[in-house]
């Protein structure tokens, strides 16, 4: 199966993005990766942090003032982000070389036809010994709803992440999750989760109607770190 990107729809349908975030906030058994990533960047003094694909600024909410710079291609999401966010393209960052202590690419690279271009830009803008953090779901995420979700092979996922980062970065660290981390109490919650995963609302409602609720969903994915070693030239 040919790999393809998920076309971003945040500008046309920002409520789908907000619905996805709301379902996780309400029903997940554990917090998302944003707080964990922010804590590490602060502990290692790897600020400022460039948050590529920042959306409405979830990562910024876990960082000290003036430690965050956000970038996103959606003006509608940027309008709700904290101060310090700019419009731009992940594959052509409008920043100087070695401008940041760390770069976050959280749940964004599967929107790109060639994620390597964004990883090259992340490497370029990192200071020596800086850290990139990438998060993505597994291709085997949410198996309980596999029949409802589209079968597709993405340009980036948790399985591809370590290899793609290792092409450009050093000291690759992989933290995977594979556990029943989401408890959806009603069919409406199942519907909203499917909307967040990209299904049209009417399709999601029809799929949710055939599901027994409450439903526990297995979440699978990975958070991957890579370091730009001191002395490494931009490749």
C-alpha atoms as a PDB file:
ATOM      1  CA  UNK A   1       0.000   0.000   0.000  1.00  0.00           C
ATOM      2  CA  UNK A   2       1.398   3.396  -1.011  1.00  0.00           C
ATOM      3  CA  UNK A   3       2.106   5.729   1.893  1.00  0.00           C
ATOM      4  CA  UNK A   4       0.150   8.961   1.989  1.00  0.00           C
ATOM      5  CA  UNK A   5      -0.272  11.990   4.202  1.00  0.00           C
ATOM      6  CA  UNK A   6      -3.453  12.911   6.049  1.00  0.00           C
ATOM      7  CA  UNK A   7      -4.534  16.230   4.523  1.00  0.00           C
ATOM      8  CA  UNK A   8      -4.858  18.740   7.369  1.00  0.00           C
ATOM      9  CA  UNK A   9      -8.386  20.092   7.771  1.00  0.00           C
ATOM     10  CA  UNK A  10      -7.780  22.398  10.733  1.00  0.00           C
ATOM     11  CA  UNK A  11      -8.527  25.558   8.764  1.00  0.00           C
ATOM     12  CA  UNK A  12     -11.743  24.217   7.219  1.00  0.00           C
ATOM     13  CA  UNK A  13     -12.967  22.359  10.322  1.00  0.00           C
ATOM     14  CA  UNK A  14     -11.255  23.475  13.526  1.00  0.00           C
ATOM     15  CA  UNK A  15     -14.047  21.903  15.584  1.00  0.00           C
ATOM     16  CA  UNK A  16     -12.887  18.433  14.575  1.00  0.00           C
ATOM     17  CA  UNK A  17      -9.493  19.193  16.135  1.00  0.00           C
ATOM     18  CA  UNK A  18     -11.164  20.569  19.257  1.00  0.00           C
ATOM     19  CA  UNK A  19     -13.448  17.541  19.496  1.00  0.00           C
ATOM     20  CA  UNK A  20     -10.440  15.204  19.367  1.00  0.00           C
ATOM     21  CA  UNK A  21      -8.669  17.115  22.138  1.00  0.00           C
ATOM     22  CA  UNK A  22     -11.816  17.237  24.281  1.00  0.00           C
ATOM     23  CA  UNK A  23     -12.373  13.466  24.085  1.00  0.00           C
ATOM     24  CA  UNK A  24      -8.835  12.788  25.272  1.00  0.00           C
ATOM     25  CA  UNK A  25      -9.034  15.326  28.077  1.00  0.00           C
ATOM     26  CA  UNK A  26     -12.314  13.893  29.347  1.00  0.00           C
ATOM     27  CA  UNK A  27     -11.845  10.166  28.902  1.00  0.00           C
ATOM     28  CA  UNK A  28      -8.132   9.261  28.787  1.00  0.00           C
ATOM     29  CA  UNK A  29      -6.633   7.392  31.732  1.00  0.00           C
ATOM     30  CA  UNK A  30      -3.327   9.249  31.355  1.00  0.00           C
ATOM     31  CA  UNK A  31      -2.288  12.682  30.174  1.00  0.00           C
ATOM     32  CA  UNK A  32      -1.006  13.269  26.668  1.00  0.00           C
ATOM     33  CA  UNK A  33       2.694  13.734  25.895  1.00  0.00           C
ATOM     34  CA  UNK A  34       2.716  17.539  26.022  1.00  0.00           C
ATOM     35  CA  UNK A  35       3.306  17.859  29.755  1.00  0.00           C
ATOM     36  CA  UNK A  36       6.027  15.187  29.695  1.00  0.00           C
ATOM     37  CA  UNK A  37       7.842  16.840  26.784  1.00  0.00           C
ATOM     38  CA  UNK A  38       7.658  20.288  28.365  1.00  0.00           C
ATOM     39  CA  UNK A  39       9.000  19.013  31.687  1.00  0.00           C
ATOM     40  CA  UNK A  40      12.016  17.426  30.012  1.00  0.00           C
ATOM     41  CA  UNK A  41      12.833  20.504  27.947  1.00  0.00           C
ATOM     42  CA  UNK A  42      12.743  22.677  31.053  1.00  0.00           C
ATOM     43  CA  UNK A  43      14.728  20.213  33.182  1.00  0.00           C
ATOM     44  CA  UNK A  44      17.484  20.041  30.543  1.00  0.00           C
ATOM     45  CA  UNK A  45      17.377  23.837  29.992  1.00  0.00           C
ATOM     46  CA  UNK A  46      16.576  23.310  26.323  1.00  0.00           C
ATOM     47  CA  UNK A  47      14.625  26.497  25.847  1.00  0.00           C
ATOM     48  CA  UNK A  48      13.323  28.234  23.918  1.00  0.00           C
ATOM     49  CA  UNK A  49      11.164  25.409  22.562  1.00  0.00           C
ATOM     50  CA  UNK A  50       9.918  25.595  18.976  1.00  0.00           C
ATOM     51  CA  UNK A  51       6.515  23.889  18.769  1.00  0.00           C
ATOM     52  CA  UNK A  52       5.953  22.985  15.120  1.00  0.00           C
ATOM     53  CA  UNK A  53       2.293  22.332  14.350  1.00  0.00           C
ATOM     54  CA  UNK A  54       1.396  23.991  17.639  1.00  0.00           C
ATOM     55  CA  UNK A  55      -2.357  24.198  17.045  1.00  0.00           C
ATOM     56  CA  UNK A  56      -3.934  26.193  19.859  1.00  0.00           C
ATOM     57  CA  UNK A  57      -0.843  25.978  22.026  1.00  0.00           C
ATOM     58  CA  UNK A  58      -1.277  22.958  24.291  1.00  0.00           C
ATOM     59  CA  UNK A  59       2.488  22.638  24.818  1.00  0.00           C
ATOM     60  CA  UNK A  60       2.816  26.301  25.786  1.00  0.00           C
ATOM     61  CA  UNK A  61       0.479  25.749  28.727  1.00  0.00           C
ATOM     62  CA  UNK A  62       3.101  23.490  30.328  1.00  0.00           C
ATOM     63  CA  UNK A  63       6.096  25.803  29.779  1.00  0.00           C
ATOM     64  CA  UNK A  64       7.316  28.926  31.580  1.00  0.00           C
ATOM     65  CA  UNK A  65       6.593  32.333  30.055  1.00  0.00           C
ATOM     66  CA  UNK A  66       8.881  33.249  27.150  1.00  0.00           C
ATOM     67  CA  UNK A  67      10.088  29.628  26.782  1.00  0.00           C
ATOM     68  CA  UNK A  68       7.785  28.783  23.840  1.00  0.00           C
ATOM     69  CA  UNK A  69       7.551  29.717  20.178  1.00  0.00           C
ATOM     70  CA  UNK A  70       4.711  28.162  18.203  1.00  0.00           C
ATOM     71  CA  UNK A  71       4.320  27.664  14.469  1.00  0.00           C
ATOM     72  CA  UNK A  72       1.278  26.439  12.576  1.00  0.00           C
ATOM     73  CA  UNK A  73      -0.146  26.688   9.073  1.00  0.00           C
ATOM     74  CA  UNK A  74      -3.738  27.284  10.256  1.00  0.00           C
ATOM     75  CA  UNK A  75      -4.654  30.919  11.003  1.00  0.00           C
ATOM     76  CA  UNK A  76      -7.865  29.767  12.713  1.00  0.00           C
ATOM     77  CA  UNK A  77      -5.971  27.655  15.235  1.00  0.00           C
ATOM     78  CA  UNK A  78      -3.281  30.300  15.699  1.00  0.00           C
ATOM     79  CA  UNK A  79      -5.987  32.823  16.597  1.00  0.00           C
ATOM     80  CA  UNK A  80      -6.647  30.761  19.754  1.00  0.00           C
ATOM     81  CA  UNK A  81      -2.972  30.123  20.569  1.00  0.00           C
ATOM     82  CA  UNK A  82      -1.017  32.037  23.237  1.00  0.00           C
ATOM     83  CA  UNK A  83       1.241  34.959  22.276  1.00  0.00           C
ATOM     84  CA  UNK A  84       4.428  33.755  20.616  1.00  0.00           C
ATOM     85  CA  UNK A  85       2.862  31.802  17.739  1.00  0.00           C
ATOM     86  CA  UNK A  86       3.465  32.535  14.061  1.00  0.00           C
ATOM     87  CA  UNK A  87       2.208  31.199  10.766  1.00  0.00           C
ATOM     88  CA  UNK A  88       4.549  29.070   8.738  1.00  0.00           C
ATOM     89  CA  UNK A  89       5.477  25.812   7.039  1.00  0.00           C
ATOM     90  CA  UNK A  90       7.123  22.908   8.880  1.00  0.00           C
ATOM     91  CA  UNK A  91       9.308  22.239   5.839  1.00  0.00           C
ATOM     92  CA  UNK A  92      10.623  25.821   5.560  1.00  0.00           C
ATOM     93  CA  UNK A  93      10.932  27.221   9.077  1.00  0.00           C
ATOM     94  CA  UNK A  94      11.256  31.030   9.207  1.00  0.00           C
ATOM     95  CA  UNK A  95      14.027  30.919  11.831  1.00  0.00           C
ATOM     96  CA  UNK A  96      17.799  31.158  11.870  1.00  0.00           C
ATOM     97  CA  UNK A  97      20.149  28.203  12.235  1.00  0.00           C
ATOM     98  CA  UNK A  98      20.680  26.980  15.819  1.00  0.00           C
ATOM     99  CA  UNK A  99      17.989  29.298  17.211  1.00  0.00           C
ATOM    100  CA  UNK A 100      16.298  26.822  19.587  1.00  0.00           C
ATOM    101  CA  UNK A 101      17.211  24.534  22.427  1.00  0.00           C
ATOM    102  CA  UNK A 102      14.548  22.030  21.431  1.00  0.00           C
ATOM    103  CA  UNK A 103      11.920  21.364  18.777  1.00  0.00           C
ATOM    104  CA  UNK A 104       8.595  19.589  19.287  1.00  0.00           C
ATOM    105  CA  UNK A 105       6.780  17.887  16.399  1.00  0.00           C
ATOM    106  CA  UNK A 106       3.837  16.327  18.215  1.00  0.00           C
ATOM    107  CA  UNK A 107       1.208  14.611  16.076  1.00  0.00           C
ATOM    108  CA  UNK A 108       2.077  16.576  12.955  1.00  0.00           C
ATOM    109  CA  UNK A 109       4.459  14.683  10.652  1.00  0.00           C
ATOM    110  CA  UNK A 110       1.787  12.377   9.186  1.00  0.00           C
ATOM    111  CA  UNK A 111       0.285  15.493   7.573  1.00  0.00           C
ATOM    112  CA  UNK A 112       3.374  15.872   5.362  1.00  0.00           C
ATOM    113  CA  UNK A 113       4.108  14.132   2.085  1.00  0.00           C
ATOM    114  CA  UNK A 114       7.797  13.988   3.047  1.00  0.00           C
ATOM    115  CA  UNK A 115       8.369  14.165   6.839  1.00  0.00           C
ATOM    116  CA  UNK A 116      12.142  14.119   6.236  1.00  0.00           C
ATOM    117  CA  UNK A 117      11.959  17.752   5.086  1.00  0.00           C
ATOM    118  CA  UNK A 118      10.506  18.851   8.416  1.00  0.00           C
ATOM    119  CA  UNK A 119      13.052  16.775  10.338  1.00  0.00           C
ATOM    120  CA  UNK A 120      15.845  18.422   8.341  1.00  0.00           C
ATOM    121  CA  UNK A 121      14.492  21.838   9.271  1.00  0.00           C
ATOM    122  CA  UNK A 122      14.201  20.833  12.924  1.00  0.00           C
ATOM    123  CA  UNK A 123      17.847  19.756  12.858  1.00  0.00           C
ATOM    124  CA  UNK A 124      18.881  23.048  11.256  1.00  0.00           C
ATOM    125  CA  UNK A 125      17.248  25.287  13.863  1.00  0.00           C
ATOM    126  CA  UNK A 126      18.469  23.233  16.864  1.00  0.00           C
ATOM    127  CA  UNK A 127      21.456  24.339  18.880  1.00  0.00           C
ATOM    128  CA  UNK A 128      24.254  21.793  19.379  1.00  0.00           C
ATOM    129  CA  UNK A 129      23.089  19.197  21.920  1.00  0.00           C
ATOM    130  CA  UNK A 130      19.506  20.293  21.335  1.00  0.00           C
ATOM    131  CA  UNK A 131      16.653  17.804  21.373  1.00  0.00           C
ATOM    132  CA  UNK A 132      13.786  17.057  19.011  1.00  0.00           C
ATOM    133  CA  UNK A 133      10.636  15.373  20.336  1.00  0.00           C
ATOM    134  CA  UNK A 134       8.254  13.622  17.957  1.00  0.00           C
ATOM    135  CA  UNK A 135       4.983  11.882  18.803  1.00  0.00           C
ATOM    136  CA  UNK A 136       2.748   9.783  16.573  1.00  0.00           C
ATOM    137  CA  UNK A 137       0.121   7.067  16.894  1.00  0.00           C
ATOM    138  CA  UNK A 138       0.842   3.506  15.868  1.00  0.00           C
ATOM    139  CA  UNK A 139      -0.572   2.098  12.656  1.00  0.00           C
ATOM    140  CA  UNK A 140      -2.263  -0.406  14.996  1.00  0.00           C
ATOM    141  CA  UNK A 141      -3.888   2.204  17.244  1.00  0.00           C
ATOM    142  CA  UNK A 142      -7.493   1.779  18.455  1.00  0.00           C
ATOM    143  CA  UNK A 143      -7.908  -1.874  17.378  1.00  0.00           C
ATOM    144  CA  UNK A 144     -11.381  -2.076  18.950  1.00  0.00           C
ATOM    145  CA  UNK A 145     -12.573   0.390  16.281  1.00  0.00           C
ATOM    146  CA  UNK A 146     -10.472  -0.889  13.377  1.00  0.00           C
ATOM    147  CA  UNK A 147     -13.535  -1.799  11.322  1.00  0.00           C
ATOM    148  CA  UNK A 148     -14.782   1.795  11.491  1.00  0.00           C
ATOM    149  CA  UNK A 149     -11.468   3.524  10.794  1.00  0.00           C
ATOM    150  CA  UNK A 150     -10.005   3.913   7.300  1.00  0.00           C
ATOM    151  CA  UNK A 151      -7.236   1.474   6.383  1.00  0.00           C
ATOM    152  CA  UNK A 152      -4.291   3.563   5.224  1.00  0.00           C
ATOM    153  CA  UNK A 153      -0.525   3.563   5.229  1.00  0.00           C
ATOM    154  CA  UNK A 154       0.787   6.915   6.413  1.00  0.00           C
ATOM    155  CA  UNK A 155       3.978   8.803   5.620  1.00  0.00           C
ATOM    156  CA  UNK A 156       4.749   8.830   9.356  1.00  0.00           C
ATOM    157  CA  UNK A 157       3.700   6.712  12.326  1.00  0.00           C
ATOM    158  CA  UNK A 158       5.112   5.282  15.558  1.00  0.00           C
ATOM    159  CA  UNK A 159       6.715   2.380  13.727  1.00  0.00           C
ATOM    160  CA  UNK A 160       8.543   4.602  11.213  1.00  0.00           C
ATOM    161  CA  UNK A 161       9.558   7.296  13.682  1.00  0.00           C
ATOM    162  CA  UNK A 162      12.789   5.816  15.149  1.00  0.00           C
ATOM    163  CA  UNK A 163      14.256   4.989  11.742  1.00  0.00           C
ATOM    164  CA  UNK A 164      13.431   8.374  10.204  1.00  0.00           C
ATOM    165  CA  UNK A 165      14.825  10.306  13.167  1.00  0.00           C
ATOM    166  CA  UNK A 166      17.994   8.184  13.177  1.00  0.00           C
ATOM    167  CA  UNK A 167      18.741   9.319   9.614  1.00  0.00           C
ATOM    168  CA  UNK A 168      19.497  12.791  10.948  1.00  0.00           C
ATOM    169  CA  UNK A 169      19.706  12.755  14.751  1.00  0.00           C
ATOM    170  CA  UNK A 170      21.767  10.937  17.368  1.00  0.00           C
ATOM    171  CA  UNK A 171      20.912   9.256  20.675  1.00  0.00           C
ATOM    172  CA  UNK A 172      17.443   8.109  19.659  1.00  0.00           C
ATOM    173  CA  UNK A 173      15.134   7.347  22.588  1.00  0.00           C
ATOM    174  CA  UNK A 174      11.775   5.613  22.114  1.00  0.00           C
ATOM    175  CA  UNK A 175       8.967   5.517  24.672  1.00  0.00           C
ATOM    176  CA  UNK A 176       6.075   3.422  23.415  1.00  0.00           C
ATOM    177  CA  UNK A 177       2.584   2.995  24.825  1.00  0.00           C
ATOM    178  CA  UNK A 178       0.239   0.057  24.261  1.00  0.00           C
ATOM    179  CA  UNK A 179      -2.507  -0.102  26.847  1.00  0.00           C
ATOM    180  CA  UNK A 180      -6.263   0.345  27.397  1.00  0.00           C
ATOM    181  CA  UNK A 181      -5.931   4.078  28.017  1.00  0.00           C
ATOM    182  CA  UNK A 182      -9.274   5.419  26.792  1.00  0.00           C
ATOM    183  CA  UNK A 183     -12.681   4.670  28.298  1.00  0.00           C
ATOM    184  CA  UNK A 184     -15.579   5.987  26.213  1.00  0.00           C
ATOM    185  CA  UNK A 185     -18.699   5.920  28.420  1.00  0.00           C
ATOM    186  CA  UNK A 186     -21.409   6.440  25.792  1.00  0.00           C
ATOM    187  CA  UNK A 187     -22.036   6.039  22.083  1.00  0.00           C
ATOM    188  CA  UNK A 188     -21.900   9.826  21.801  1.00  0.00           C
ATOM    189  CA  UNK A 189     -18.359   9.681  23.175  1.00  0.00           C
ATOM    190  CA  UNK A 190     -17.502   6.943  20.654  1.00  0.00           C
ATOM    191  CA  UNK A 191     -18.939   9.126  17.887  1.00  0.00           C
ATOM    192  CA  UNK A 192     -16.849  12.100  18.983  1.00  0.00           C
ATOM    193  CA  UNK A 193     -13.721   9.952  19.137  1.00  0.00           C
ATOM    194  CA  UNK A 194     -14.316   8.758  15.578  1.00  0.00           C
ATOM    195  CA  UNK A 195     -14.876  12.351  14.443  1.00  0.00           C
ATOM    196  CA  UNK A 196     -11.528  13.207  15.998  1.00  0.00           C
ATOM    197  CA  UNK A 197      -9.960  10.358  14.033  1.00  0.00           C
ATOM    198  CA  UNK A 198     -11.215  11.900  10.782  1.00  0.00           C
ATOM    199  CA  UNK A 199     -14.606  10.345  10.074  1.00  0.00           C
ATOM    200  CA  UNK A 200     -17.418  12.552   8.809  1.00  0.00           C
ATOM    201  CA  UNK A 201     -19.902  13.260  11.590  1.00  0.00           C
ATOM    202  CA  UNK A 202     -22.768  11.325  10.046  1.00  0.00           C
ATOM    203  CA  UNK A 203     -20.512   8.341   9.336  1.00  0.00           C
ATOM    204  CA  UNK A 204     -19.122   8.465  12.872  1.00  0.00           C
ATOM    205  CA  UNK A 205     -22.646   8.528  14.313  1.00  0.00           C
ATOM    206  CA  UNK A 206     -23.664   5.497  12.248  1.00  0.00           C
ATOM    207  CA  UNK A 207     -20.565   3.546  13.287  1.00  0.00           C
ATOM    208  CA  UNK A 208     -21.018   4.465  16.944  1.00  0.00           C
ATOM    209  CA  UNK A 209     -24.627   3.242  16.871  1.00  0.00           C
ATOM    210  CA  UNK A 210     -23.390  -0.322  16.315  1.00  0.00           C
ATOM    211  CA  UNK A 211     -20.902  -0.242  19.220  1.00  0.00           C
ATOM    212  CA  UNK A 212     -21.568  -1.425  22.750  1.00  0.00           C
ATOM    213  CA  UNK A 213     -20.843   1.291  25.295  1.00  0.00           C
ATOM    214  CA  UNK A 214     -18.983   1.839  27.505  1.00  0.00           C
ATOM    215  CA  UNK A 215     -16.023   0.957  25.282  1.00  0.00           C
ATOM    216  CA  UNK A 216     -12.398   0.679  26.351  1.00  0.00           C
ATOM    217  CA  UNK A 217      -9.968   1.597  23.567  1.00  0.00           C
ATOM    218  CA  UNK A 218      -6.345   0.466  23.343  1.00  0.00           C
ATOM    219  CA  UNK A 219      -4.062   3.380  22.527  1.00  0.00           C
ATOM    220  CA  UNK A 220      -0.779   2.627  20.767  1.00  0.00           C
ATOM    221  CA  UNK A 221       1.928   5.046  19.743  1.00  0.00           C
ATOM    222  CA  UNK A 222       5.347   6.415  20.566  1.00  0.00           C
ATOM    223  CA  UNK A 223       7.200   9.468  21.773  1.00  0.00           C
ATOM    224  CA  UNK A 224      10.635   9.580  20.169  1.00  0.00           C
ATOM    225  CA  UNK A 225      13.528  11.892  21.040  1.00  0.00           C
ATOM    226  CA  UNK A 226      16.626  12.610  18.999  1.00  0.00           C
ATOM    227  CA  UNK A 227      19.614  14.827  19.790  1.00  0.00           C
ATOM    228  CA  UNK A 228      21.627  17.083  17.560  1.00  0.00           C
ATOM    229  CA  UNK A 229      25.071  16.212  18.808  1.00  0.00           C
ATOM    230  CA  UNK A 230      27.523  19.077  19.296  1.00  0.00           C
ATOM    231  CA  UNK A 231      29.684  19.469  16.228  1.00  0.00           C
ATOM    232  CA  UNK A 232      27.175  17.794  13.898  1.00  0.00           C
ATOM    233  CA  UNK A 233      26.728  19.770  10.726  1.00  0.00           C
ATOM    234  CA  UNK A 234      23.333  20.304   9.161  1.00  0.00           C
ATOM    235  CA  UNK A 235      22.761  17.351   6.846  1.00  0.00           C
END
